[in-house]
Full PDB file with SEQRES, HELIX, SHEET, SSBOND, CRYST1, ORIGX, SCALE, CONECT and MASTER records, all heavy atoms in Angstrom:
SEQRES   1 A   39  ALA TRP PHE ARG GLN ALA PRO GLY LYS GLU ARG GLU LEU          
SEQRES   2 A   39  VAL ALA ALA ILE ARG TRP SER GLY ARG ASP THR PHE TYR          
SEQRES   3 A   39  ALA ASP TYR ALA LEU SER VAL LYS GLY ARG PHE THR ILE          
SHEET    1 AA1 3 TRP A   2  ARG A   4  0                                        
SHEET    2 AA1 3 GLU A  12  TRP A  19 -1                                        
SHEET    3 AA1 3 PHE A  25  TYR A  29 -1                                        
CRYST1    1.000    1.000    1.000  90.00  90.00  90.00 P 1           1          
ORIGX1      1.000000  0.000000  0.000000        0.00000                         
ORIGX2      0.000000  1.000000  0.000000        0.00000                         
ORIGX3      0.000000  0.000000  1.000000        0.00000                         
SCALE1      1.000000  0.000000  0.000000        0.00000                         
SCALE2      0.000000  1.000000  0.000000        0.00000                         
SCALE3      0.000000  0.000000  1.000000        0.00000                         
ATOM      1  N   ALA A   1      -6.361  -0.543  -1.976  1.00  0.00           N  
ATOM      2  CA  ALA A   1      -5.272   0.158  -1.298  1.00  0.00           C  
ATOM      3  C   ALA A   1      -5.543   0.248   0.186  1.00  0.00           C  
ATOM      4  O   ALA A   1      -6.683   0.159   0.642  1.00  0.00           O  
ATOM      5  CB  ALA A   1      -5.097   1.557  -1.878  1.00  0.00           C  
ATOM      6  N   TRP A   2      -4.466   0.431   0.901  1.00  0.00           N  
ATOM      7  CA  TRP A   2      -4.510   0.800   2.314  1.00  0.00           C  
ATOM      8  C   TRP A   2      -3.894   2.193   2.428  1.00  0.00           C  
ATOM      9  O   TRP A   2      -2.796   2.442   1.919  1.00  0.00           O  
ATOM     10  CB  TRP A   2      -3.726  -0.173   3.177  1.00  0.00           C  
ATOM     11  CG  TRP A   2      -4.408  -1.495   3.352  1.00  0.00           C  
ATOM     12  CD1 TRP A   2      -4.218  -2.626   2.619  1.00  0.00           C  
ATOM     13  CD2 TRP A   2      -5.384  -1.826   4.341  1.00  0.00           C  
ATOM     14  NE1 TRP A   2      -5.014  -3.640   3.090  1.00  0.00           N  
ATOM     15  CE2 TRP A   2      -5.743  -3.175   4.147  1.00  0.00           C  
ATOM     16  CE3 TRP A   2      -5.992  -1.119   5.385  1.00  0.00           C  
ATOM     17  CZ2 TRP A   2      -6.681  -3.835   4.944  1.00  0.00           C  
ATOM     18  CZ3 TRP A   2      -6.921  -1.764   6.186  1.00  0.00           C  
ATOM     19  CH2 TRP A   2      -7.264  -3.099   5.960  1.00  0.00           C  
ATOM     20  N   PHE A   3      -4.629   3.062   3.088  1.00  0.00           N  
ATOM     21  CA  PHE A   3      -4.145   4.394   3.434  1.00  0.00           C  
ATOM     22  C   PHE A   3      -4.078   4.478   4.948  1.00  0.00           C  
ATOM     23  O   PHE A   3      -4.691   3.683   5.661  1.00  0.00           O  
ATOM     24  CB  PHE A   3      -5.108   5.476   2.920  1.00  0.00           C  
ATOM     25  CG  PHE A   3      -5.007   5.748   1.447  1.00  0.00           C  
ATOM     26  CD1 PHE A   3      -5.570   4.861   0.524  1.00  0.00           C  
ATOM     27  CD2 PHE A   3      -4.396   6.902   0.972  1.00  0.00           C  
ATOM     28  CE1 PHE A   3      -5.496   5.122  -0.844  1.00  0.00           C  
ATOM     29  CE2 PHE A   3      -4.321   7.167  -0.378  1.00  0.00           C  
ATOM     30  CZ  PHE A   3      -4.873   6.279  -1.288  1.00  0.00           C  
ATOM     31  N   ARG A   4      -3.354   5.457   5.441  1.00  0.00           N  
ATOM     32  CA  ARG A   4      -3.353   5.710   6.871  1.00  0.00           C  
ATOM     33  C   ARG A   4      -3.349   7.209   7.115  1.00  0.00           C  
ATOM     34  O   ARG A   4      -2.868   7.988   6.288  1.00  0.00           O  
ATOM     35  CB  ARG A   4      -2.155   5.057   7.563  1.00  0.00           C  
ATOM     36  CG  ARG A   4      -0.797   5.628   7.200  1.00  0.00           C  
ATOM     37  CD  ARG A   4       0.307   4.803   7.848  1.00  0.00           C  
ATOM     38  NE  ARG A   4       1.635   5.324   7.538  1.00  0.00           N  
ATOM     39  CZ  ARG A   4       2.751   4.715   7.871  1.00  0.00           C  
ATOM     40  NH1 ARG A   4       2.719   3.554   8.526  1.00  0.00           N  
ATOM     41  NH2 ARG A   4       3.918   5.244   7.553  1.00  0.00           N  
ATOM     42  N   GLN A   5      -3.874   7.565   8.292  1.00  0.00           N  
ATOM     43  CA  GLN A   5      -3.934   8.959   8.671  1.00  0.00           C  
ATOM     44  C   GLN A   5      -3.624   9.088  10.143  1.00  0.00           C  
ATOM     45  O   GLN A   5      -4.344   8.543  10.991  1.00  0.00           O  
ATOM     46  CB  GLN A   5      -5.302   9.566   8.357  1.00  0.00           C  
ATOM     47  CG  GLN A   5      -5.362  11.063   8.560  1.00  0.00           C  
ATOM     48  CD  GLN A   5      -6.606  11.669   7.941  1.00  0.00           C  
ATOM     49  OE1 GLN A   5      -7.584  10.983   7.632  1.00  0.00           O  
ATOM     50  NE2 GLN A   5      -6.579  12.977   7.728  1.00  0.00           N  
ATOM     51  N   ALA A   6      -2.545   9.799  10.435  1.00  0.00           N  
ATOM     52  CA  ALA A   6      -2.162  10.089  11.812  1.00  0.00           C  
ATOM     53  C   ALA A   6      -2.778  11.427  12.209  1.00  0.00           C  
ATOM     54  O   ALA A   6      -3.072  12.264  11.349  1.00  0.00           O  
ATOM     55  CB  ALA A   6      -0.645  10.134  11.930  1.00  0.00           C  
ATOM     56  N   PRO A   7      -2.973  11.660  13.505  1.00  0.00           N  
ATOM     57  CA  PRO A   7      -3.571  12.926  13.955  1.00  0.00           C  
ATOM     58  C   PRO A   7      -2.803  14.126  13.423  1.00  0.00           C  
ATOM     59  O   PRO A   7      -1.574  14.190  13.526  1.00  0.00           O  
ATOM     60  CB  PRO A   7      -3.476  12.836  15.475  1.00  0.00           C  
ATOM     61  CG  PRO A   7      -3.489  11.379  15.759  1.00  0.00           C  
ATOM     62  CD  PRO A   7      -2.729  10.753  14.631  1.00  0.00           C  
ATOM     63  N   GLY A   8      -3.515  15.070  12.825  1.00  0.00           N  
ATOM     64  CA  GLY A   8      -2.903  16.287  12.322  1.00  0.00           C  
ATOM     65  C   GLY A   8      -2.163  16.139  11.008  1.00  0.00           C  
ATOM     66  O   GLY A   8      -1.534  17.088  10.538  1.00  0.00           O  
ATOM     67  N   LYS A   9      -2.255  14.952  10.407  1.00  0.00           N  
ATOM     68  CA  LYS A   9      -1.538  14.719   9.155  1.00  0.00           C  
ATOM     69  C   LYS A   9      -2.501  14.344   8.039  1.00  0.00           C  
ATOM     70  O   LYS A   9      -3.644  13.952   8.284  1.00  0.00           O  
ATOM     71  CB  LYS A   9      -0.491  13.620   9.335  1.00  0.00           C  
ATOM     72  CG  LYS A   9       0.640  13.992  10.278  1.00  0.00           C  
ATOM     73  CD  LYS A   9       1.739  12.968  10.237  1.00  0.00           C  
ATOM     74  CE  LYS A   9       2.920  13.399  11.096  1.00  0.00           C  
ATOM     75  NZ  LYS A   9       4.037  12.411  11.054  1.00  0.00           N  
ATOM     76  N   GLU A  10      -2.006  14.439   6.807  1.00  0.00           N  
ATOM     77  CA  GLU A  10      -2.799  14.057   5.645  1.00  0.00           C  
ATOM     78  C   GLU A  10      -2.905  12.537   5.555  1.00  0.00           C  
ATOM     79  O   GLU A  10      -2.019  11.811   6.028  1.00  0.00           O  
ATOM     80  CB  GLU A  10      -2.140  14.593   4.370  1.00  0.00           C  
ATOM     81  CG  GLU A  10      -2.115  16.107   4.236  1.00  0.00           C  
ATOM     82  CD  GLU A  10      -3.510  16.658   3.999  1.00  0.00           C  
ATOM     83  OE1 GLU A  10      -4.252  16.080   3.198  1.00  0.00           O  
ATOM     84  OE2 GLU A  10      -3.841  17.672   4.630  1.00  0.00           O  
ATOM     85  N   ARG A  11      -3.987  12.078   4.934  1.00  0.00           N  
ATOM     86  CA  ARG A  11      -4.114  10.658   4.677  1.00  0.00           C  
ATOM     87  C   ARG A  11      -3.130  10.275   3.580  1.00  0.00           C  
ATOM     88  O   ARG A  11      -3.084  10.920   2.532  1.00  0.00           O  
ATOM     89  CB  ARG A  11      -5.547  10.334   4.264  1.00  0.00           C  
ATOM     90  CG  ARG A  11      -5.862   8.847   4.256  1.00  0.00           C  
ATOM     91  CD  ARG A  11      -7.340   8.597   4.034  1.00  0.00           C  
ATOM     92  NE  ARG A  11      -8.150   9.148   5.111  1.00  0.00           N  
ATOM     93  CZ  ARG A  11      -9.447   8.932   5.254  1.00  0.00           C  
ATOM     94  NH1 ARG A  11     -10.075   8.148   4.382  1.00  0.00           N  
ATOM     95  NH2 ARG A  11     -10.097   9.467   6.257  1.00  0.00           N  
ATOM     96  N   GLU A  12      -2.344   9.237   3.824  1.00  0.00           N  
ATOM     97  CA  GLU A  12      -1.306   8.857   2.890  1.00  0.00           C  
ATOM     98  C   GLU A  12      -1.438   7.402   2.456  1.00  0.00           C  
ATOM     99  O   GLU A  12      -1.879   6.549   3.229  1.00  0.00           O  
ATOM    100  CB  GLU A  12       0.089   9.069   3.519  1.00  0.00           C  
ATOM    101  CG  GLU A  12       0.360   8.221   4.740  1.00  0.00           C  
ATOM    102  CD  GLU A  12       1.780   8.369   5.261  1.00  0.00           C  
ATOM    103  OE1 GLU A  12       2.573   9.121   4.687  1.00  0.00           O  
ATOM    104  OE2 GLU A  12       2.093   7.690   6.268  1.00  0.00           O  
ATOM    105  N   LEU A  13      -0.999   7.151   1.225  1.00  0.00           N  
ATOM    106  CA  LEU A  13      -1.019   5.789   0.711  1.00  0.00           C  
ATOM    107  C   LEU A  13       0.046   4.947   1.420  1.00  0.00           C  
ATOM    108  O   LEU A  13       1.188   5.383   1.574  1.00  0.00           O  
ATOM    109  CB  LEU A  13      -0.744   5.799  -0.790  1.00  0.00           C  
ATOM    110  CG  LEU A  13      -0.655   4.422  -1.445  1.00  0.00           C  
ATOM    111  CD1 LEU A  13      -2.024   3.749  -1.495  1.00  0.00           C  
ATOM    112  CD2 LEU A  13      -0.064   4.541  -2.840  1.00  0.00           C  
ATOM    113  N   VAL A  14      -0.358   3.756   1.832  1.00  0.00           N  
ATOM    114  CA  VAL A  14       0.571   2.799   2.421  1.00  0.00           C  
ATOM    115  C   VAL A  14       0.943   1.728   1.395  1.00  0.00           C  
ATOM    116  O   VAL A  14       2.111   1.416   1.196  1.00  0.00           O  
ATOM    117  CB  VAL A  14      -0.056   2.141   3.666  1.00  0.00           C  
ATOM    118  CG1 VAL A  14       0.855   1.051   4.217  1.00  0.00           C  
ATOM    119  CG2 VAL A  14      -0.349   3.197   4.726  1.00  0.00           C  
ATOM    120  N   ALA A  15      -0.079   1.150   0.746  1.00  0.00           N  
ATOM    121  CA  ALA A  15       0.156   0.085  -0.224  1.00  0.00           C  
ATOM    122  C   ALA A  15      -1.048  -0.019  -1.142  1.00  0.00           C  
ATOM    123  O   ALA A  15      -2.166   0.313  -0.748  1.00  0.00           O  
ATOM    124  CB  ALA A  15       0.385  -1.246   0.476  1.00  0.00           C  
ATOM    125  N   ALA A  16      -0.803  -0.481  -2.356  1.00  0.00           N  
ATOM    126  CA  ALA A  16      -1.874  -0.672  -3.328  1.00  0.00           C  
ATOM    127  C   ALA A  16      -1.605  -1.946  -4.111  1.00  0.00           C  
ATOM    128  O   ALA A  16      -0.440  -2.355  -4.270  1.00  0.00           O  
ATOM    129  CB  ALA A  16      -1.975   0.521  -4.273  1.00  0.00           C  
ATOM    130  N   ILE A  17      -2.678  -2.551  -4.601  1.00  0.00           N  
ATOM    131  CA  ILE A  17      -2.539  -3.794  -5.341  1.00  0.00           C  
ATOM    132  C   ILE A  17      -3.623  -3.892  -6.399  1.00  0.00           C  
ATOM    133  O   ILE A  17      -4.747  -3.431  -6.199  1.00  0.00           O  
ATOM    134  CB  ILE A  17      -2.602  -5.014  -4.381  1.00  0.00           C  
ATOM    135  CG1 ILE A  17      -2.248  -6.312  -5.107  1.00  0.00           C  
ATOM    136  CG2 ILE A  17      -3.975  -5.115  -3.721  1.00  0.00           C  
ATOM    137  CD1 ILE A  17      -2.017  -7.490  -4.150  1.00  0.00           C  
ATOM    138  N   ARG A  18      -3.273  -4.482  -7.532  1.00  0.00           N  
ATOM    139  CA  ARG A  18      -4.270  -4.818  -8.538  1.00  0.00           C  
ATOM    140  C   ARG A  18      -3.888  -6.161  -9.138  1.00  0.00           C  
ATOM    141  O   ARG A  18      -2.708  -6.481  -9.258  1.00  0.00           O  
ATOM    142  CB  ARG A  18      -4.361  -3.754  -9.633  1.00  0.00           C  
ATOM    143  CG  ARG A  18      -3.086  -3.538 -10.432  1.00  0.00           C  
ATOM    144  CD  ARG A  18      -3.326  -2.564 -11.567  1.00  0.00           C  
ATOM    145  NE  ARG A  18      -2.091  -2.163 -12.221  1.00  0.00           N  
ATOM    146  CZ  ARG A  18      -1.500  -2.850 -13.191  1.00  0.00           C  
ATOM    147  NH1 ARG A  18      -2.039  -3.975 -13.615  1.00  0.00           N  
ATOM    148  NH2 ARG A  18      -0.398  -2.385 -13.741  1.00  0.00           N  
ATOM    149  N   TRP A  19      -4.924  -6.927  -9.474  1.00  0.00           N  
ATOM    150  CA  TRP A  19      -4.701  -8.240 -10.052  1.00  0.00           C  
ATOM    151  C   TRP A  19      -4.961  -8.201 -11.556  1.00  0.00           C  
ATOM    152  O   TRP A  19      -5.894  -7.560 -12.013  1.00  0.00           O  
ATOM    153  CB  TRP A  19      -5.666  -9.254  -9.428  1.00  0.00           C  
ATOM    154  CG  TRP A  19      -5.231  -9.724  -8.083  1.00  0.00           C  
ATOM    155  CD1 TRP A  19      -4.439 -10.796  -7.810  1.00  0.00           C  
ATOM    156  CD2 TRP A  19      -5.577  -9.148  -6.817  1.00  0.00           C  
ATOM    157  NE1 TRP A  19      -4.263 -10.926  -6.455  1.00  0.00           N  
ATOM    158  CE2 TRP A  19      -4.944  -9.921  -5.813  1.00  0.00           C  
ATOM    159  CE3 TRP A  19      -6.346  -8.050  -6.434  1.00  0.00           C  
ATOM    160  CZ2 TRP A  19      -5.065  -9.643  -4.458  1.00  0.00           C  
ATOM    161  CZ3 TRP A  19      -6.470  -7.763  -5.091  1.00  0.00           C  
ATOM    162  CH2 TRP A  19      -5.838  -8.551  -4.119  1.00  0.00           C  
ATOM    163  N   SER A  20      -4.125  -8.931 -12.296  1.00  0.00           N  
ATOM    164  CA  SER A  20      -4.383  -9.143 -13.723  1.00  0.00           C  
ATOM    165  C   SER A  20      -4.853 -10.563 -13.951  1.00  0.00           C  
ATOM    166  O   SER A  20      -5.131 -10.955 -15.078  1.00  0.00           O  
ATOM    167  CB  SER A  20      -3.130  -8.846 -14.545  1.00  0.00           C  
ATOM    168  OG  SER A  20      -2.057  -9.657 -14.127  1.00  0.00           O  
ATOM    169  N   GLY A  21      -4.974 -11.309 -12.931  1.00  0.00           N  
ATOM    170  CA  GLY A  21      -5.459 -12.682 -12.943  1.00  0.00           C  
ATOM    171  C   GLY A  21      -5.472 -13.124 -11.494  1.00  0.00           C  
ATOM    172  O   GLY A  21      -5.043 -12.393 -10.615  1.00  0.00           O  
ATOM    173  N   ARG A  22      -5.974 -14.287 -11.231  1.00  0.00           N  
ATOM    174  CA  ARG A  22      -6.091 -14.723  -9.840  1.00  0.00           C  
ATOM    175  C   ARG A  22      -4.733 -14.809  -9.158  1.00  0.00           C  
ATOM    176  O   ARG A  22      -4.601 -14.563  -7.960  1.00  0.00           O  
ATOM    177  CB  ARG A  22      -6.810 -16.058  -9.787  1.00  0.00           C  
ATOM    178  CG  ARG A  22      -7.117 -16.557  -8.382  1.00  0.00           C  
ATOM    179  CD  ARG A  22      -7.986 -17.775  -8.421  1.00  0.00           C  
ATOM    180  NE  ARG A  22      -9.360 -17.437  -8.785  1.00  0.00           N  
ATOM    181  CZ  ARG A  22     -10.369 -17.394  -7.927  1.00  0.00           C  
ATOM    182  NH1 ARG A  22     -10.158 -17.672  -6.667  1.00  0.00           N  
ATOM    183  NH2 ARG A  22     -11.589 -17.084  -8.308  1.00  0.00           N  
ATOM    184  N   ASP A  23      -3.692 -15.176  -9.897  1.00  0.00           N  
ATOM    185  CA  ASP A  23      -2.380 -15.388  -9.289  1.00  0.00           C  
ATOM    186  C   ASP A  23      -1.347 -14.369  -9.724  1.00  0.00           C  
ATOM    187  O   ASP A  23      -0.177 -14.501  -9.367  1.00  0.00           O  
ATOM    188  CB  ASP A  23      -1.878 -16.803  -9.623  1.00  0.00           C  
ATOM    189  CG  ASP A  23      -2.788 -17.881  -9.078  1.00  0.00           C  
ATOM    190  OD1 ASP A  23      -3.233 -17.725  -7.924  1.00  0.00           O  
ATOM    191  OD2 ASP A  23      -3.085 -18.844  -9.809  1.00  0.00           O  
ATOM    192  N   THR A  24      -1.731 -13.391 -10.499  1.00  0.00           N  
ATOM    193  CA  THR A  24      -0.809 -12.384 -11.004  1.00  0.00           C  
ATOM    194  C   THR A  24      -1.254 -11.019 -10.527  1.00  0.00           C  
ATOM    195  O   THR A  24      -2.401 -10.631 -10.718  1.00  0.00           O  
ATOM    196  CB  THR A  24      -0.774 -12.403 -12.537  1.00  0.00           C  
ATOM    197  OG1 THR A  24      -0.448 -13.715 -12.991  1.00  0.00           O  
ATOM    198  CG2 THR A  24       0.273 -11.423 -13.049  1.00  0.00           C  
ATOM    199  N   PHE A  25      -0.358 -10.293  -9.895  1.00  0.00           N  
ATOM    200  CA  PHE A  25      -0.734  -9.004  -9.362  1.00  0.00           C  
ATOM    201  C   PHE A  25       0.438  -8.049  -9.397  1.00  0.00           C  
ATOM    202  O   PHE A  25       1.588  -8.441  -9.555  1.00  0.00           O  
ATOM    203  CB  PHE A  25      -1.252  -9.147  -7.924  1.00  0.00           C  
ATOM    204  CG  PHE A  25      -0.209  -9.671  -6.963  1.00  0.00           C  
ATOM    205  CD1 PHE A  25       0.629  -8.813  -6.278  1.00  0.00           C  
ATOM    206  CD2 PHE A  25      -0.076 -11.032  -6.750  1.00  0.00           C  
ATOM    207  CE1 PHE A  25       1.581  -9.292  -5.399  1.00  0.00           C  
ATOM    208  CE2 PHE A  25       0.876 -11.528  -5.878  1.00  0.00           C  
ATOM    209  CZ  PHE A  25       1.712 -10.652  -5.202  1.00  0.00           C  
ATOM    210  N   TYR A  26       0.088  -6.786  -9.259  1.00  0.00           N  
ATOM    211  CA  TYR A  26       1.094  -5.732  -9.117  1.00  0.00           C  
ATOM    212  C   TYR A  26       0.824  -5.027  -7.801  1.00  0.00           C  
ATOM    213  O   TYR A  26      -0.308  -4.659  -7.504  1.00  0.00           O  
ATOM    214  CB  TYR A  26       0.998  -4.737 -10.269  1.00  0.00           C  
ATOM    215  CG  TYR A  26       1.856  -3.520 -10.071  1.00  0.00           C  
ATOM    216  CD1 TYR A  26       3.210  -3.556 -10.324  1.00  0.00           C  
ATOM    217  CD2 TYR A  26       1.300  -2.338  -9.581  1.00  0.00           C  
ATOM    218  CE1 TYR A  26       4.006  -2.444 -10.113  1.00  0.00           C  
ATOM    219  CE2 TYR A  26       2.090  -1.223  -9.365  1.00  0.00           C  
ATOM    220  CZ  TYR A  26       3.442  -1.282  -9.632  1.00  0.00           C  
ATOM    221  OH  TYR A  26       4.222  -0.178  -9.412  1.00  0.00           O  
ATOM    222  N   ALA A  27       1.860  -4.844  -6.999  1.00  0.00           N  
ATOM    223  CA  ALA A  27       1.718  -4.155  -5.726  1.00  0.00           C  
ATOM    224  C   ALA A  27       2.777  -3.069  -5.599  1.00  0.00           C  
ATOM    225  O   ALA A  27       3.868  -3.195  -6.140  1.00  0.00           O  
ATOM    226  CB  ALA A  27       1.845  -5.139  -4.567  1.00  0.00           C  
ATOM    227  N   ASP A  28       2.437  -2.027  -4.912  1.00  0.00           N  
ATOM    228  CA  ASP A  28       3.368  -0.929  -4.673  1.00  0.00           C  
ATOM    229  C   ASP A  28       3.214  -0.468  -3.234  1.00  0.00           C  
ATOM    230  O   ASP A  28       2.136  -0.597  -2.638  1.00  0.00           O  
ATOM    231  CB  ASP A  28       3.110   0.225  -5.632  1.00  0.00           C  
ATOM    232  CG  ASP A  28       4.283   1.179  -5.712  1.00  0.00           C  
ATOM    233  OD1 ASP A  28       5.391   0.812  -5.273  1.00  0.00           O  
ATOM    234  OD2 ASP A  28       4.101   2.309  -6.202  1.00  0.00           O  
ATOM    235  N   TYR A  29       4.290   0.085  -2.700  1.00  0.00           N  
ATOM    236  CA  TYR A  29       4.336   0.438  -1.294  1.00  0.00           C  
ATOM    237  C   TYR A  29       4.957   1.816  -1.101  1.00  0.00           C  
ATOM    238  O   TYR A  29       5.834   2.235  -1.860  1.00  0.00           O  
ATOM    239  CB  TYR A  29       5.173  -0.579  -0.514  1.00  0.00           C  
ATOM    240  CG  TYR A  29       4.618  -1.981  -0.558  1.00  0.00           C  
ATOM    241  CD1 TYR A  29       4.982  -2.854  -1.574  1.00  0.00           C  
ATOM    242  CD2 TYR A  29       3.723  -2.428   0.415  1.00  0.00           C  
ATOM    243  CE1 TYR A  29       4.471  -4.138  -1.635  1.00  0.00           C  
ATOM    244  CE2 TYR A  29       3.212  -3.706   0.365  1.00  0.00           C  
ATOM    245  CZ  TYR A  29       3.587  -4.552  -0.663  1.00  0.00           C  
ATOM    246  OH  TYR A  29       3.069  -5.822  -0.715  1.00  0.00           O  
ATOM    247  N   ALA A  30       4.537   2.483  -0.042  1.00  0.00           N  
ATOM    248  CA  ALA A  30       5.226   3.687   0.379  1.00  0.00           C  
ATOM    249  C   ALA A  30       6.629   3.304   0.829  1.00  0.00           C  
ATOM    250  O   ALA A  30       6.846   2.223   1.390  1.00  0.00           O  
ATOM    251  CB  ALA A  30       4.466   4.343   1.530  1.00  0.00           C  
ATOM    252  N   LEU A  31       7.568   4.190   0.601  1.00  0.00           N  
ATOM    253  CA  LEU A  31       8.962   3.900   0.955  1.00  0.00           C  
ATOM    254  C   LEU A  31       9.107   3.609   2.446  1.00  0.00           C  
ATOM    255  O   LEU A  31       9.927   2.782   2.846  1.00  0.00           O  
ATOM    256  CB  LEU A  31       9.852   5.077   0.563  1.00  0.00           C  
ATOM    257  CG  LEU A  31      10.138   5.239  -0.929  1.00  0.00           C  
ATOM    258  CD1 LEU A  31      10.961   6.497  -1.178  1.00  0.00           C  
ATOM    259  CD2 LEU A  31      10.848   4.017  -1.485  1.00  0.00           C  
ATOM    260  N   SER A  32       8.296   4.247   3.252  1.00  0.00           N  
ATOM    261  CA  SER A  32       8.414   4.103   4.701  1.00  0.00           C  
ATOM    262  C   SER A  32       8.021   2.715   5.200  1.00  0.00           C  
ATOM    263  O   SER A  32       8.364   2.340   6.315  1.00  0.00           O  
ATOM    264  CB  SER A  32       7.562   5.154   5.404  1.00  0.00           C  
ATOM    265  OG  SER A  32       6.202   5.011   5.028  1.00  0.00           O  
ATOM    266  N   VAL A  33       7.295   1.947   4.374  1.00  0.00           N  
ATOM    267  CA  VAL A  33       6.843   0.625   4.816  1.00  0.00           C  
ATOM    268  C   VAL A  33       7.397  -0.499   3.959  1.00  0.00           C  
ATOM    269  O   VAL A  33       7.201  -1.672   4.276  1.00  0.00           O  
ATOM    270  CB  VAL A  33       5.304   0.538   4.834  1.00  0.00           C  
ATOM    271  CG1 VAL A  33       4.705   1.673   5.664  1.00  0.00           C  
ATOM    272  CG2 VAL A  33       4.720   0.522   3.433  1.00  0.00           C  
ATOM    273  N   LYS A  34       8.070  -0.163   2.879  1.00  0.00           N  
ATOM    274  CA  LYS A  34       8.567  -1.178   1.962  1.00  0.00           C  
ATOM    275  C   LYS A  34       9.522  -2.123   2.706  1.00  0.00           C  
ATOM    276  O   LYS A  34      10.419  -1.681   3.433  1.00  0.00           O  
ATOM    277  CB  LYS A  34       9.271  -0.528   0.778  1.00  0.00           C  
ATOM    278  CG  LYS A  34       9.572  -1.462  -0.375  1.00  0.00           C  
ATOM    279  CD  LYS A  34      10.012  -0.694  -1.615  1.00  0.00           C  
ATOM    280  CE  LYS A  34       8.870   0.032  -2.259  1.00  0.00           C  
ATOM    281  NZ  LYS A  34       9.248   0.645  -3.565  1.00  0.00           N  
ATOM    282  N   GLY A  35       9.294  -3.415   2.521  1.00  0.00           N  
ATOM    283  CA  GLY A  35      10.097  -4.414   3.208  1.00  0.00           C  
ATOM    284  C   GLY A  35       9.535  -4.830   4.554  1.00  0.00           C  
ATOM    285  O   GLY A  35       9.959  -5.842   5.121  1.00  0.00           O  
ATOM    286  N   ARG A  36       8.578  -4.063   5.080  1.00  0.00           N  
ATOM    287  CA  ARG A  36       7.966  -4.398   6.374  1.00  0.00           C  
ATOM    288  C   ARG A  36       6.494  -4.788   6.216  1.00  0.00           C  
ATOM    289  O   ARG A  36       5.997  -5.620   6.976  1.00  0.00           O  
ATOM    290  CB  ARG A  36       8.061  -3.211   7.326  1.00  0.00           C  
ATOM    291  CG  ARG A  36       9.469  -2.771   7.645  1.00  0.00           C  
ATOM    292  CD  ARG A  36       9.474  -1.732   8.766  1.00  0.00           C  
ATOM    293  NE  ARG A  36       8.772  -0.499   8.396  1.00  0.00           N  
ATOM    294  CZ  ARG A  36       7.761   0.030   9.099  1.00  0.00           C  
ATOM    295  NH1 ARG A  36       7.310  -0.573  10.195  1.00  0.00           N  
ATOM    296  NH2 ARG A  36       7.197   1.171   8.703  1.00  0.00           N  
ATOM    297  N   PHE A  37       5.806  -4.168   5.275  1.00  0.00           N  
ATOM    298  CA  PHE A  37       4.379  -4.402   5.076  1.00  0.00           C  
ATOM    299  C   PHE A  37       4.163  -5.179   3.778  1.00  0.00           C  
ATOM    300  O   PHE A  37       4.906  -5.005   2.803  1.00  0.00           O  
ATOM    301  CB  PHE A  37       3.612  -3.088   4.978  1.00  0.00           C  
ATOM    302  CG  PHE A  37       3.535  -2.299   6.255  1.00  0.00           C  
ATOM    303  CD1 PHE A  37       4.298  -2.598   7.368  1.00  0.00           C  
ATOM    304  CD2 PHE A  37       2.663  -1.216   6.341  1.00  0.00           C  
ATOM    305  CE1 PHE A  37       4.208  -1.857   8.541  1.00  0.00           C  
ATOM    306  CE2 PHE A  37       2.558  -0.456   7.494  1.00  0.00           C  
ATOM    307  CZ  PHE A  37       3.349  -0.783   8.587  1.00  0.00           C  
ATOM    308  N   THR A  38       3.123  -6.000   3.764  1.00  0.00           N  
ATOM    309  CA  THR A  38       2.750  -6.743   2.571  1.00  0.00           C  
ATOM    310  C   THR A  38       1.247  -6.678   2.369  1.00  0.00           C  
ATOM    311  O   THR A  38       0.492  -7.017   3.290  1.00  0.00           O  
ATOM    312  CB  THR A  38       3.179  -8.215   2.666  1.00  0.00           C  
ATOM    313  OG1 THR A  38       4.594  -8.289   2.891  1.00  0.00           O  
ATOM    314  CG2 THR A  38       2.839  -8.946   1.380  1.00  0.00           C  
ATOM    315  N   ILE A  39       0.833  -6.264   1.179  1.00  0.00           N  
ATOM    316  CA  ILE A  39      -0.583  -6.244   0.830  1.00  0.00           C  
ATOM    317  C   ILE A  39      -0.898  -7.502   0.026  1.00  0.00           C  
ATOM    318  O   ILE A  39      -0.098  -7.935  -0.814  1.00  0.00           O  
ATOM    319  CB  ILE A  39      -0.956  -4.962   0.048  1.00  0.00           C  
ATOM    320  CG1 ILE A  39      -2.466  -4.860  -0.155  1.00  0.00           C  
ATOM    321  CG2 ILE A  39      -0.192  -4.868  -1.261  1.00  0.00           C  
ATOM    322  CD1 ILE A  39      -2.921  -3.523  -0.716  1.00  0.00           C  
TER     323      ILE A  39                                                      
MASTER        0    0    0    0    3    0    0    6  322    1    0    3          
END                                                                             
């Protein structure tokens, strides 16, 4: 996963990924970055 923390704020999840095989994976994103960030 990638988390981020801005000054004075809690650390929040940005994106996470897990593989079930070399070419098969599941990824999820925070709503604020979905469509802009790729893990």
